[in-house]
Amino acid sequence: MELGTFSISLAVKDIKASKAFYEKLGFGVFMGDVSQNWLILKNGDHVIGLFQGMFEKNILTFNPGWDSNARKLGAFTDVRQLQRQLKAQGVEFQTEADESTVGPASFVVVDPDGNPILVDQHV
């Protein structure tokens, strides 16, 4: 099962302080808007998202259809197909992608320890 490019989305208290901290670790702003309280930072192939006030917990994030530079892939497994595969294995969903749509969609599952996993397709 190919879930797409991986990042961790961090629920931060102070986005400016978090940005400054991660810049010390070699991360640089890749996308986002600090005035909207979200930034995506990269260090090589490693990607983290900083999100202030958008969710309660850190989230493991996968993006089907994107490479690590947010460029569309020529071929990938659609989020709805991934959802069907996981449902067939008995995985429970917190939110689901609408099976009647095409293009961007997402779903959320939660691992046994309560960690949310977002599969978020933008293409």
PDB file of N, CA and C in Angstrom:
ATOM      1  N   MET A   1       0.857  -1.168   0.000  1.00  0.00           N
ATOM      2  CA  MET A   1       0.000   0.000   0.000  1.00  0.00           C
ATOM      3  C   MET A   1       0.903   1.231   0.000  1.00  0.00           C
ATOM      4  N   GLU A   2       0.779   2.051  -1.026  1.00  0.00           N
ATOM      5  CA  GLU A   2       1.566   3.283  -1.161  1.00  0.00           C
ATOM      6  C   GLU A   2       0.704   4.458  -0.705  1.00  0.00           C
ATOM      7  N   LEU A   3       1.077   5.062   0.423  1.00  0.00           N
ATOM      8  CA  LEU A   3       0.277   6.130   1.017  1.00  0.00           C
ATOM      9  C   LEU A   3       0.655   7.523   0.524  1.00  0.00           C
ATOM     10  N   GLY A   4       1.766   7.653  -0.158  1.00  0.00           N
ATOM     11  CA  GLY A   4       2.204   8.968  -0.615  1.00  0.00           C
ATOM     12  C   GLY A   4       3.296   9.524   0.264  1.00  0.00           C
ATOM     13  N   THR A   5       3.667  10.757  -0.004  1.00  0.00           N
ATOM     14  CA  THR A   5       4.746  11.389   0.745  1.00  0.00           C
ATOM     15  C   THR A   5       4.340  11.581   2.204  1.00  0.00           C
ATOM     16  N   PHE A   6       5.309  11.510   3.113  1.00  0.00           N
ATOM     17  CA  PHE A   6       5.044  11.555   4.543  1.00  0.00           C
ATOM     18  C   PHE A   6       5.540  12.854   5.158  1.00  0.00           C
ATOM     19  N   SER A   7       4.778  13.353   6.113  1.00  0.00           N
ATOM     20  CA  SER A   7       5.227  14.454   6.962  1.00  0.00           C
ATOM     21  C   SER A   7       4.550  14.302   8.315  1.00  0.00           C
ATOM     22  N   ILE A   8       5.031  15.055   9.266  1.00  0.00           N
ATOM     23  CA  ILE A   8       4.340  15.119  10.551  1.00  0.00           C
ATOM     24  C   ILE A   8       3.791  16.523  10.696  1.00  0.00           C
ATOM     25  N   SER A   9       2.549  16.609  11.068  1.00  0.00           N
ATOM     26  CA  SER A   9       1.879  17.885  11.283  1.00  0.00           C
ATOM     27  C   SER A   9       1.843  18.137  12.789  1.00  0.00           C
ATOM     28  N   LEU A  10       2.539  19.181  13.214  1.00  0.00           N
ATOM     29  CA  LEU A  10       2.658  19.471  14.634  1.00  0.00           C
ATOM     30  C   LEU A  10       1.647  20.525  15.070  1.00  0.00           C
ATOM     31  N   ALA A  11       0.925  20.237  16.128  1.00  0.00           N
ATOM     32  CA  ALA A  11       0.016  21.206  16.743  1.00  0.00           C
ATOM     33  C   ALA A  11       0.877  22.063  17.674  1.00  0.00           C
ATOM     34  N   VAL A  12       1.158  23.289  17.264  1.00  0.00           N
ATOM     35  CA  VAL A  12       2.074  24.149  18.018  1.00  0.00           C
ATOM     36  C   VAL A  12       1.313  25.237  18.765  1.00  0.00           C
ATOM     37  N   LYS A  13       1.901  25.713  19.856  1.00  0.00           N
ATOM     38  CA  LYS A  13       1.290  26.769  20.664  1.00  0.00           C
ATOM     39  C   LYS A  13       1.638  28.149  20.136  1.00  0.00           C
ATOM     40  N   ASP A  14       2.865  28.316  19.624  1.00  0.00           N
ATOM     41  CA  ASP A  14       3.350  29.607  19.133  1.00  0.00           C
ATOM     42  C   ASP A  14       4.099  29.352  17.838  1.00  0.00           C
ATOM     43  N   ILE A  15       3.456  29.605  16.708  1.00  0.00           N
ATOM     44  CA  ILE A  15       4.038  29.248  15.416  1.00  0.00           C
ATOM     45  C   ILE A  15       5.356  29.969  15.152  1.00  0.00           C
ATOM     46  N   LYS A  16       5.482  31.209  15.589  1.00  0.00           N
ATOM     47  CA  LYS A  16       6.730  31.943  15.368  1.00  0.00           C
ATOM     48  C   LYS A  16       7.875  31.345  16.181  1.00  0.00           C
ATOM     49  N   ALA A  17       7.610  30.967  17.412  1.00  0.00           N
ATOM     50  CA  ALA A  17       8.640  30.337  18.237  1.00  0.00           C
ATOM     51  C   ALA A  17       9.019  28.967  17.665  1.00  0.00           C
ATOM     52  N   SER A  18       8.027  28.208  17.204  1.00  0.00           N
ATOM     53  CA  SER A  18       8.294  26.892  16.611  1.00  0.00           C
ATOM     54  C   SER A  18       9.097  27.034  15.325  1.00  0.00           C
ATOM     55  N   LYS A  19       8.740  28.006  14.495  1.00  0.00           N
ATOM     56  CA  LYS A  19       9.478  28.260  13.251  1.00  0.00           C
ATOM     57  C   LYS A  19      10.936  28.558  13.557  1.00  0.00           C
ATOM     58  N   ALA A  20      11.178  29.445  14.513  1.00  0.00           N
ATOM     59  CA  ALA A  20      12.552  29.809  14.879  1.00  0.00           C
ATOM     60  C   ALA A  20      13.323  28.593  15.390  1.00  0.00           C
ATOM     61  N   PHE A  21      12.674  27.744  16.189  1.00  0.00           N
ATOM     62  CA  PHE A  21      13.327  26.553  16.714  1.00  0.00           C
ATOM     63  C   PHE A  21      13.719  25.596  15.588  1.00  0.00           C
ATOM     64  N   TYR A  22      12.774  25.286  14.709  1.00  0.00           N
ATOM     65  CA  TYR A  22      13.056  24.321  13.649  1.00  0.00           C
ATOM     66  C   TYR A  22      14.041  24.872  12.619  1.00  0.00           C
ATOM     67  N   GLU A  23      14.095  26.170  12.450  1.00  0.00           N
ATOM     68  CA  GLU A  23      15.118  26.761  11.581  1.00  0.00           C
ATOM     69  C   GLU A  23      16.507  26.507  12.155  1.00  0.00           C
ATOM     70  N   LYS A  24      16.643  26.495  13.472  1.00  0.00           N
ATOM     71  CA  LYS A  24      17.930  26.168  14.101  1.00  0.00           C
ATOM     72  C   LYS A  24      18.347  24.736  13.813  1.00  0.00           C
ATOM     73  N   LEU A  25      17.367  23.868  13.566  1.00  0.00           N
ATOM     74  CA  LEU A  25      17.653  22.473  13.221  1.00  0.00           C
ATOM     75  C   LEU A  25      17.871  22.284  11.720  1.00  0.00           C
ATOM     76  N   GLY A  26      17.866  23.379  10.963  1.00  0.00           N
ATOM     77  CA  GLY A  26      18.135  23.299   9.538  1.00  0.00           C
ATOM     78  C   GLY A  26      16.916  23.267   8.640  1.00  0.00           C
ATOM     79  N   PHE A  27      15.721  23.420   9.198  1.00  0.00           N
ATOM     80  CA  PHE A  27      14.517  23.451   8.382  1.00  0.00           C
ATOM     81  C   PHE A  27      14.304  24.856   7.833  1.00  0.00           C
ATOM     82  N   GLY A  28      13.751  24.933   6.630  1.00  0.00           N
ATOM     83  CA  GLY A  28      13.400  26.199   6.017  1.00  0.00           C
ATOM     84  C   GLY A  28      11.951  26.173   5.555  1.00  0.00           C
ATOM     85  N   VAL A  29      11.340  27.336   5.501  1.00  0.00           N
ATOM     86  CA  VAL A  29       9.949  27.424   5.071  1.00  0.00           C
ATOM     87  C   VAL A  29       9.838  27.012   3.613  1.00  0.00           C
ATOM     88  N   PHE A  30       8.916  26.113   3.343  1.00  0.00           N
ATOM     89  CA  PHE A  30       8.677  25.582   2.004  1.00  0.00           C
ATOM     90  C   PHE A  30       7.359  26.105   1.438  1.00  0.00           C
ATOM     91  N   MET A  31       6.342  26.162   2.270  1.00  0.00           N
ATOM     92  CA  MET A  31       5.025  26.671   1.891  1.00  0.00           C
ATOM     93  C   MET A  31       4.336  27.185   3.154  1.00  0.00           C
ATOM     94  N   GLY A  32       3.211  27.834   2.945  1.00  0.00           N
ATOM     95  CA  GLY A  32       2.388  28.226   4.072  1.00  0.00           C
ATOM     96  C   GLY A  32       2.295  29.720   4.245  1.00  0.00           C
ATOM     97  N   ASP A  33       1.627  30.107   5.320  1.00  0.00           N
ATOM     98  CA  ASP A  33       1.387  31.510   5.607  1.00  0.00           C
ATOM     99  C   ASP A  33       1.317  31.670   7.122  1.00  0.00           C
ATOM    100  N   VAL A  34       2.354  32.258   7.688  1.00  0.00           N
ATOM    101  CA  VAL A  34       2.409  32.414   9.142  1.00  0.00           C
ATOM    102  C   VAL A  34       1.234  33.246   9.652  1.00  0.00           C
ATOM    103  N   SER A  35       0.712  34.182   8.838  1.00  0.00           N
ATOM    104  CA  SER A  35      -0.431  34.994   9.270  1.00  0.00           C
ATOM    105  C   SER A  35      -1.710  34.154   9.354  1.00  0.00           C
ATOM    106  N   GLN A  36      -1.739  33.000   8.674  1.00  0.00           N
ATOM    107  CA  GLN A  36      -2.867  32.069   8.762  1.00  0.00           C
ATOM    108  C   GLN A  36      -2.580  30.923   9.733  1.00  0.00           C
ATOM    109  N   ASN A  37      -1.445  31.011  10.428  1.00  0.00           N
ATOM    110  CA  ASN A  37      -1.038  30.041  11.459  1.00  0.00           C
ATOM    111  C   ASN A  37      -0.702  28.654  10.925  1.00  0.00           C
ATOM    112  N   TRP A  38      -0.133  28.594   9.710  1.00  0.00           N
ATOM    113  CA  TRP A  38       0.357  27.308   9.213  1.00  0.00           C
ATOM    114  C   TRP A  38       1.576  27.518   8.331  1.00  0.00           C
ATOM    115  N   LEU A  39       2.549  26.622   8.483  1.00  0.00           N
ATOM    116  CA  LEU A  39       3.763  26.620   7.676  1.00  0.00           C
ATOM    117  C   LEU A  39       4.172  25.178   7.411  1.00  0.00           C
ATOM    118  N   ILE A  40       4.763  24.940   6.248  1.00  0.00           N
ATOM    119  CA  ILE A  40       5.382  23.661   5.933  1.00  0.00           C
ATOM    120  C   ILE A  40       6.871  23.940   5.827  1.00  0.00           C
ATOM    121  N   LEU A  41       7.674  23.166   6.553  1.00  0.00           N
ATOM    122  CA  LEU A  41       9.122  23.348   6.559  1.00  0.00           C
ATOM    123  C   LEU A  41       9.794  22.087   6.039  1.00  0.00           C
ATOM    124  N   LYS A  42      10.959  22.272   5.404  1.00  0.00           N
ATOM    125  CA  LYS A  42      11.719  21.144   4.871  1.00  0.00           C
ATOM    126  C   LYS A  42      13.164  21.229   5.313  1.00  0.00           C
ATOM    127  N   ASN A  43      13.747  20.062   5.483  1.00  0.00           N
ATOM    128  CA  ASN A  43      15.181  19.899   5.683  1.00  0.00           C
ATOM    129  C   ASN A  43      15.543  18.687   4.842  1.00  0.00           C
ATOM    130  N   GLY A  44      16.093  18.915   3.651  1.00  0.00           N
ATOM    131  CA  GLY A  44      16.309  17.815   2.715  1.00  0.00           C
ATOM    132  C   GLY A  44      14.972  17.229   2.313  1.00  0.00           C
ATOM    133  N   ASP A  45      14.822  15.922   2.471  1.00  0.00           N
ATOM    134  CA  ASP A  45      13.559  15.258   2.156  1.00  0.00           C
ATOM    135  C   ASP A  45      12.599  15.212   3.340  1.00  0.00           C
ATOM    136  N   HIS A  46      13.013  15.734   4.489  1.00  0.00           N
ATOM    137  CA  HIS A  46      12.184  15.683   5.696  1.00  0.00           C
ATOM    138  C   HIS A  46      11.247  16.882   5.723  1.00  0.00           C
ATOM    139  N   VAL A  47       9.976  16.604   5.980  1.00  0.00           N
ATOM    140  CA  VAL A  47       8.947  17.641   5.942  1.00  0.00           C
ATOM    141  C   VAL A  47       8.173  17.638   7.260  1.00  0.00           C
ATOM    142  N   ILE A  48       7.993  18.837   7.820  1.00  0.00           N
ATOM    143  CA  ILE A  48       7.128  18.994   8.981  1.00  0.00           C
ATOM    144  C   ILE A  48       6.169  20.144   8.710  1.00  0.00           C
ATOM    145  N   GLY A  49       4.989  20.039   9.258  1.00  0.00           N
ATOM    146  CA  GLY A  49       4.022  21.128   9.201  1.00  0.00           C
ATOM    147  C   GLY A  49       3.839  21.697  10.591  1.00  0.00           C
ATOM    148  N   LEU A  50       3.762  23.005  10.670  1.00  0.00           N
ATOM    149  CA  LEU A  50       3.475  23.685  11.930  1.00  0.00           C
ATOM    150  C   LEU A  50       2.085  24.286  11.813  1.00  0.00           C
ATOM    151  N   PHE A  51       1.194  23.942  12.740  1.00  0.00           N
ATOM    152  CA  PHE A  51      -0.189  24.399  12.689  1.00  0.00           C
ATOM    153  C   PHE A  51      -0.596  24.893  14.073  1.00  0.00           C
ATOM    154  N   GLN A  52      -0.873  26.183  14.182  1.00  0.00           N
ATOM    155  CA  GLN A  52      -1.283  26.764  15.454  1.00  0.00           C
ATOM    156  C   GLN A  52      -2.798  26.914  15.495  1.00  0.00           C
ATOM    157  N   GLY A  53      -3.423  26.278  16.497  1.00  0.00           N
ATOM    158  CA  GLY A  53      -4.849  26.426  16.711  1.00  0.00           C
ATOM    159  C   GLY A  53      -5.739  25.682  15.734  1.00  0.00           C
ATOM    160  N   MET A  54      -5.184  24.752  14.971  1.00  0.00           N
ATOM    161  CA  MET A  54      -5.982  24.049  13.961  1.00  0.00           C
ATOM    162  C   MET A  54      -6.416  22.658  14.400  1.00  0.00           C
ATOM    163  N   PHE A  55      -5.647  22.021  15.271  1.00  0.00           N
ATOM    164  CA  PHE A  55      -6.025  20.720  15.801  1.00  0.00           C
ATOM    165  C   PHE A  55      -5.327  20.500  17.129  1.00  0.00           C
ATOM    166  N   GLU A  56      -5.799  19.504  17.875  1.00  0.00           N
ATOM    167  CA  GLU A  56      -5.334  19.292  19.243  1.00  0.00           C
ATOM    168  C   GLU A  56      -4.063  18.471  19.346  1.00  0.00           C
ATOM    169  N   LYS A  57      -3.884  17.489  18.483  1.00  0.00           N
ATOM    170  CA  LYS A  57      -2.755  16.567  18.578  1.00  0.00           C
ATOM    171  C   LYS A  57      -1.877  16.657  17.340  1.00  0.00           C
ATOM    172  N   ASN A  58      -0.635  16.202  17.492  1.00  0.00           N
ATOM    173  CA  ASN A  58       0.226  16.010  16.327  1.00  0.00           C
ATOM    174  C   ASN A  58      -0.400  14.928  15.455  1.00  0.00           C
ATOM    175  N   ILE A  59      -0.205  15.040  14.144  1.00  0.00           N
ATOM    176  CA  ILE A  59      -0.833  14.126  13.201  1.00  0.00           C
ATOM    177  C   ILE A  59       0.217  13.596  12.224  1.00  0.00           C
ATOM    178  N   LEU A  60       0.227  12.284  12.023  1.00  0.00           N
ATOM    179  CA  LEU A  60       1.026  11.698  10.950  1.00  0.00           C
ATOM    180  C   LEU A  60       0.260  11.959   9.664  1.00  0.00           C
ATOM    181  N   THR A  61       0.924  12.514   8.656  1.00  0.00           N
ATOM    182  CA  THR A  61       0.237  12.919   7.431  1.00  0.00           C
ATOM    183  C   THR A  61       0.862  12.241   6.220  1.00  0.00           C
ATOM    184  N   PHE A  62       0.010  11.715   5.346  1.00  0.00           N
ATOM    185  CA  PHE A  62       0.440  11.142   4.078  1.00  0.00           C
ATOM    186  C   PHE A  62      -0.321  11.855   2.971  1.00  0.00           C
ATOM    187  N   ASN A  63       0.370  12.151   1.878  1.00  0.00           N
ATOM    188  CA  ASN A  63      -0.245  12.847   0.748  1.00  0.00           C
ATOM    189  C   ASN A  63      -0.123  12.023  -0.528  1.00  0.00           C
ATOM    190  N   PRO A  64      -1.149  11.209  -0.850  1.00  0.00           N
ATOM    191  CA  PRO A  64      -1.142  10.490  -2.115  1.00  0.00           C
ATOM    192  C   PRO A  64      -1.120  11.488  -3.274  1.00  0.00           C
ATOM    193  N   GLY A  65      -0.345  11.169  -4.300  1.00  0.00           N
ATOM    194  CA  GLY A  65      -0.316  12.010  -5.492  1.00  0.00           C
ATOM    195  C   GLY A  65       0.750  13.080  -5.490  1.00  0.00           C
ATOM    196  N   TRP A  66       1.464  13.233  -4.392  1.00  0.00           N
ATOM    197  CA  TRP A  66       2.533  14.238  -4.301  1.00  0.00           C
ATOM    198  C   TRP A  66       3.866  13.580  -4.023  1.00  0.00           C
ATOM    199  N   ASP A  67       4.936  14.200  -4.552  1.00  0.00           N
ATOM    200  CA  ASP A  67       6.272  13.837  -4.100  1.00  0.00           C
ATOM    201  C   ASP A  67       6.624  14.745  -2.923  1.00  0.00           C
ATOM    202  N   SER A  68       7.849  14.648  -2.397  1.00  0.00           N
ATOM    203  CA  SER A  68       8.216  15.417  -1.210  1.00  0.00           C
ATOM    204  C   SER A  68       8.358  16.914  -1.472  1.00  0.00           C
ATOM    205  N   ASN A  69       8.248  17.319  -2.734  1.00  0.00           N
ATOM    206  CA  ASN A  69       8.280  18.747  -3.084  1.00  0.00           C
ATOM    207  C   ASN A  69       6.906  19.257  -3.497  1.00  0.00           C
ATOM    208  N   ALA A  70       5.864  18.517  -3.151  1.00  0.00           N
ATOM    209  CA  ALA A  70       4.473  18.872  -3.453  1.00  0.00           C
ATOM    210  C   ALA A  70       4.210  18.969  -4.951  1.00  0.00           C
ATOM    211  N   ARG A  71       4.951  18.167  -5.717  1.00  0.00           N
ATOM    212  CA  ARG A  71       4.705  18.079  -7.162  1.00  0.00           C
ATOM    213  C   ARG A  71       3.859  16.850  -7.431  1.00  0.00           C
ATOM    214  N   LYS A  72       2.909  17.011  -8.351  1.00  0.00           N
ATOM    215  CA  LYS A  72       1.994  15.925  -8.686  1.00  0.00           C
ATOM    216  C   LYS A  72       2.746  14.770  -9.320  1.00  0.00           C
ATOM    217  N   LEU A  73       2.435  13.566  -8.859  1.00  0.00           N
ATOM    218  CA  LEU A  73       2.993  12.344  -9.427  1.00  0.00           C
ATOM    219  C   LEU A  73       2.178  11.921 -10.639  1.00  0.00           C
ATOM    220  N   GLY A  74       2.828  11.280 -11.597  1.00  0.00           N
ATOM    221  CA  GLY A  74       2.124  10.795 -12.775  1.00  0.00           C
ATOM    222  C   GLY A  74       1.158   9.666 -12.447  1.00  0.00           C
ATOM    223  N   ALA A  75       1.555   8.801 -11.515  1.00  0.00           N
ATOM    224  CA  ALA A  75       0.709   7.673 -11.121  1.00  0.00           C
ATOM    225  C   ALA A  75       0.754   7.539  -9.603  1.00  0.00           C
ATOM    226  N   PHE A  76      -0.398   7.267  -9.007  1.00  0.00           N
ATOM    227  CA  PHE A  76      -0.479   7.082  -7.560  1.00  0.00           C
ATOM    228  C   PHE A  76      -1.789   6.383  -7.240  1.00  0.00           C
ATOM    229  N   THR A  77      -1.890   5.862  -6.024  1.00  0.00           N
ATOM    230  CA  THR A  77      -3.116   5.222  -5.571  1.00  0.00           C
ATOM    231  C   THR A  77      -4.030   6.287  -4.977  1.00  0.00           C
ATOM    232  N   ASP A  78      -5.220   6.410  -5.531  1.00  0.00           N
ATOM    233  CA  ASP A  78      -6.186   7.400  -5.085  1.00  0.00           C
ATOM    234  C   ASP A  78      -6.594   7.146  -3.633  1.00  0.00           C
ATOM    235  N   VAL A  79      -6.855   8.219  -2.913  1.00  0.00           N
ATOM    236  CA  VAL A  79      -7.222   8.148  -1.506  1.00  0.00           C
ATOM    237  C   VAL A  79      -8.456   7.270  -1.275  1.00  0.00           C
ATOM    238  N   ARG A  80      -9.396   7.270  -2.209  1.00  0.00           N
ATOM    239  CA  ARG A  80     -10.599   6.452  -2.048  1.00  0.00           C
ATOM    240  C   ARG A  80     -10.270   4.959  -2.173  1.00  0.00           C
ATOM    241  N   GLN A  81      -9.311   4.618  -3.030  1.00  0.00           N
ATOM    242  CA  GLN A  81      -8.873   3.227  -3.148  1.00  0.00           C
ATOM    243  C   GLN A  81      -8.159   2.794  -1.862  1.00  0.00           C
ATOM    244  N   LEU A  82      -7.313   3.668  -1.320  1.00  0.00           N
ATOM    245  CA  LEU A  82      -6.652   3.364  -0.049  1.00  0.00           C
ATOM    246  C   LEU A  82      -7.690   3.129   1.045  1.00  0.00           C
ATOM    247  N   GLN A  83      -8.719   3.969   1.067  1.00  0.00           N
ATOM    248  CA  GLN A  83      -9.787   3.843   2.050  1.00  0.00           C
ATOM    249  C   GLN A  83     -10.486   2.491   1.920  1.00  0.00           C
ATOM    250  N   ARG A  84     -10.797   2.092   0.690  1.00  0.00           N
ATOM    251  CA  ARG A  84     -11.454   0.793   0.477  1.00  0.00           C
ATOM    252  C   ARG A  84     -10.563  -0.358   0.949  1.00  0.00           C
ATOM    253  N   GLN A  85      -9.261  -0.266   0.682  1.00  0.00           N
ATOM    254  CA  GLN A  85      -8.335  -1.316   1.113  1.00  0.00           C
ATOM    255  C   GLN A  85      -8.284  -1.421   2.637  1.00  0.00           C
ATOM    256  N   LEU A  86      -8.247  -0.281   3.294  1.00  0.00           N
ATOM    257  CA  LEU A  86      -8.196  -0.291   4.756  1.00  0.00           C
ATOM    258  C   LEU A  86      -9.506  -0.780   5.360  1.00  0.00           C
ATOM    259  N   LYS A  87     -10.638  -0.374   4.771  1.00  0.00           N
ATOM    260  CA  LYS A  87     -11.934  -0.857   5.251  1.00  0.00           C
ATOM    261  C   LYS A  87     -12.018  -2.380   5.128  1.00  0.00           C
ATOM    262  N   ALA A  88     -11.511  -2.919   4.038  1.00  0.00           N
ATOM    263  CA  ALA A  88     -11.535  -4.364   3.822  1.00  0.00           C
ATOM    264  C   ALA A  88     -10.716  -5.098   4.885  1.00  0.00           C
ATOM    265  N   GLN A  89      -9.775  -4.388   5.496  1.00  0.00           N
ATOM    266  CA  GLN A  89      -8.953  -4.980   6.556  1.00  0.00           C
ATOM    267  C   GLN A  89      -9.523  -4.692   7.947  1.00  0.00           C
ATOM    268  N   GLY A  90     -10.687  -4.067   8.006  1.00  0.00           N
ATOM    269  CA  GLY A  90     -11.344  -3.821   9.272  1.00  0.00           C
ATOM    270  C   GLY A  90     -10.906  -2.567  10.005  1.00  0.00           C
ATOM    271  N   VAL A  91     -10.185  -1.670   9.327  1.00  0.00           N
ATOM    272  CA  VAL A  91      -9.758  -0.428   9.963  1.00  0.00           C
ATOM    273  C   VAL A  91     -10.966   0.485  10.125  1.00  0.00           C
ATOM    274  N   GLU A  92     -11.086   1.093  11.306  1.00  0.00           N
ATOM    275  CA  GLU A  92     -12.169   2.040  11.577  1.00  0.00           C
ATOM    276  C   GLU A  92     -11.703   3.456  11.237  1.00  0.00           C
ATOM    277  N   PHE A  93     -12.633   4.276  10.766  1.00  0.00           N
ATOM    278  CA  PHE A  93     -12.322   5.626  10.312  1.00  0.00           C
ATOM    279  C   PHE A  93     -12.929   6.666  11.239  1.00  0.00           C
ATOM    280  N   GLN A  94     -12.150   7.736  11.475  1.00  0.00           N
ATOM    281  CA  GLN A  94     -12.669   8.878  12.207  1.00  0.00           C
ATOM    282  C   GLN A  94     -13.420   9.796  11.244  1.00  0.00           C
ATOM    283  N   THR A  95     -12.843  10.007  10.058  1.00  0.00           N
ATOM    284  CA  THR A  95     -13.518  10.699   8.960  1.00  0.00           C
ATOM    285  C   THR A  95     -13.231   9.919   7.698  1.00  0.00           C
ATOM    286  N   GLU A  96     -14.092  10.080   6.695  1.00  0.00           N
ATOM    287  CA  GLU A  96     -13.943   9.324   5.447  1.00  0.00           C
ATOM    288  C   GLU A  96     -13.977  10.237   4.240  1.00  0.00           C
ATOM    289  N   ALA A  97     -13.284   9.802   3.182  1.00  0.00           N
ATOM    290  CA  ALA A  97     -13.369  10.463   1.884  1.00  0.00           C
ATOM    291  C   ALA A  97     -14.705  10.087   1.251  1.00  0.00           C
ATOM    292  N   ASP A  98     -15.305  11.015   0.556  1.00  0.00           N
ATOM    293  CA  ASP A  98     -16.564  10.772  -0.148  1.00  0.00           C
ATOM    294  C   ASP A  98     -16.260   9.924  -1.380  1.00  0.00           C
ATOM    295  N   GLU A  99     -16.767   8.711  -1.390  1.00  0.00           N
ATOM    296  CA  GLU A  99     -16.504   7.762  -2.476  1.00  0.00           C
ATOM    297  C   GLU A  99     -17.110   8.195  -3.810  1.00  0.00           C
ATOM    298  N   SER A 100     -18.043   9.128  -3.792  1.00  0.00           N
ATOM    299  CA  SER A 100     -18.698   9.555  -5.032  1.00  0.00           C
ATOM    300  C   SER A 100     -17.939  10.679  -5.739  1.00  0.00           C
ATOM    301  N   THR A 101     -16.823  11.115  -5.170  1.00  0.00           N
ATOM    302  CA  THR A 101     -16.065  12.230  -5.747  1.00  0.00           C
ATOM    303  C   THR A 101     -14.784  11.739  -6.395  1.00  0.00           C
ATOM    304  N   VAL A 102     -14.130  12.642  -7.107  1.00  0.00           N
ATOM    305  CA  VAL A 102     -12.787  12.418  -7.647  1.00  0.00           C
ATOM    306  C   VAL A 102     -11.941  13.617  -7.248  1.00  0.00           C
ATOM    307  N   GLY A 103     -10.620  13.464  -7.323  1.00  0.00           N
ATOM    308  CA  GLY A 103      -9.734  14.570  -6.993  1.00  0.00           C
ATOM    309  C   GLY A 103      -9.462  14.659  -5.505  1.00  0.00           C
ATOM    310  N   PRO A 104      -9.252  15.888  -5.014  1.00  0.00           N
ATOM    311  CA  PRO A 104      -8.872  16.071  -3.610  1.00  0.00           C
ATOM    312  C   PRO A 104      -9.894  15.466  -2.644  1.00  0.00           C
ATOM    313  N   ALA A 105      -9.369  14.779  -1.624  1.00  0.00           N
ATOM    314  CA  ALA A 105     -10.195  14.181  -0.574  1.00  0.00           C
ATOM    315  C   ALA A 105      -9.258  13.701   0.527  1.00  0.00           C
ATOM    316  N   SER A 106      -9.839  13.359   1.665  1.00  0.00           N
ATOM    317  CA  SER A 106      -9.005  12.888   2.772  1.00  0.00           C
ATOM    318  C   SER A 106      -9.806  11.974   3.690  1.00  0.00           C
ATOM    319  N   PHE A 107      -9.066  11.242   4.510  1.00  0.00           N
ATOM    320  CA  PHE A 107      -9.668  10.479   5.593  1.00  0.00           C
ATOM    321  C   PHE A 107      -8.714  10.483   6.776  1.00  0.00           C
ATOM    322  N   VAL A 108      -9.265  10.158   7.942  1.00  0.00           N
ATOM    323  CA  VAL A 108      -8.470  10.074   9.165  1.00  0.00           C
ATOM    324  C   VAL A 108      -8.767   8.746   9.841  1.00  0.00           C
ATOM    325  N   VAL A 109      -7.697   8.053  10.216  1.00  0.00           N
ATOM    326  CA  VAL A 109      -7.780   6.870  11.061  1.00  0.00           C
ATOM    327  C   VAL A 109      -6.960   7.158  12.313  1.00  0.00           C
ATOM    328  N   VAL A 110      -7.180   6.384  13.351  1.00  0.00           N
ATOM    329  CA  VAL A 110      -6.450   6.576  14.598  1.00  0.00           C
ATOM    330  C   VAL A 110      -5.806   5.250  14.973  1.00  0.00           C
ATOM    331  N   ASP A 111      -4.491   5.299  15.286  1.00  0.00           N
ATOM    332  CA  ASP A 111      -3.801   4.062  15.632  1.00  0.00           C
ATOM    333  C   ASP A 111      -4.182   3.614  17.052  1.00  0.00           C
ATOM    334  N   PRO A 112      -3.776   2.406  17.478  1.00  0.00           N
ATOM    335  CA  PRO A 112      -4.181   1.882  18.782  1.00  0.00           C
ATOM    336  C   PRO A 112      -3.773   2.758  19.974  1.00  0.00           C
ATOM    337  N   ASP A 113      -2.788   3.653  19.776  1.00  0.00           N
ATOM    338  CA  ASP A 113      -2.340   4.523  20.858  1.00  0.00           C
ATOM    339  C   ASP A 113      -2.972   5.908  20.806  1.00  0.00           C
ATOM    340  N   GLY A 114      -3.943   6.082  19.904  1.00  0.00           N
ATOM    341  CA  GLY A 114      -4.646   7.351  19.828  1.00  0.00           C
ATOM    342  C   GLY A 114      -4.021   8.380  18.915  1.00  0.00           C
ATOM    343  N   ASN A 115      -3.016   7.985  18.130  1.00  0.00           N
ATOM    344  CA  ASN A 115      -2.370   8.918  17.211  1.00  0.00           C
ATOM    345  C   ASN A 115      -3.166   9.030  15.920  1.00  0.00           C
ATOM    346  N   PRO A 116      -3.605  10.243  15.567  1.00  0.00           N
ATOM    347  CA  PRO A 116      -4.341  10.410  14.323  1.00  0.00           C
ATOM    348  C   PRO A 116      -3.416  10.305  13.108  1.00  0.00           C
ATOM    349  N   ILE A 117      -3.931   9.687  12.067  1.00  0.00           N
ATOM    350  CA  ILE A 117      -3.218   9.558  10.794  1.00  0.00           C
ATOM    351  C   ILE A 117      -4.130  10.126   9.718  1.00  0.00           C
ATOM    352  N   LEU A 118      -3.661  11.196   9.080  1.00  0.00           N
ATOM    353  CA  LEU A 118      -4.396  11.874   8.026  1.00  0.00           C
ATOM    354  C   LEU A 118      -3.834  11.453   6.678  1.00  0.00           C
ATOM    355  N   VAL A 119      -4.694  10.953   5.808  1.00  0.00           N
ATOM    356  CA  VAL A 119      -4.328  10.687   4.425  1.00  0.00           C
ATOM    357  C   VAL A 119      -5.065  11.739   3.606  1.00  0.00           C
ATOM    358  N   ASP A 120      -4.295  12.689   3.065  1.00  0.00           N
ATOM    359  CA  ASP A 120      -4.833  13.924   2.516  1.00  0.00           C
ATOM    360  C   ASP A 120      -4.343  14.118   1.077  1.00  0.00           C
ATOM    361  N   GLN A 121      -5.215  13.832   0.130  1.00  0.00           N
ATOM    362  CA  GLN A 121      -4.884  13.938  -1.285  1.00  0.00           C
ATOM    363  C   GLN A 121      -5.288  15.325  -1.789  1.00  0.00           C
ATOM    364  N   HIS A 122      -4.335  16.047  -2.380  1.00  0.00           N
ATOM    365  CA  HIS A 122      -4.587  17.401  -2.881  1.00  0.00           C
ATOM    366  C   HIS A 122      -4.792  17.473  -4.385  1.00  0.00           C
ATOM    367  N   VAL A 123      -4.601  16.358  -5.086  1.00  0.00           N
ATOM    368  CA  VAL A 123      -4.726  16.355  -6.551  1.00  0.00           C
ATOM    369  C   VAL A 123      -5.859  15.462  -7.004  1.00  0.00           C
TER     370      VAL A 123
END
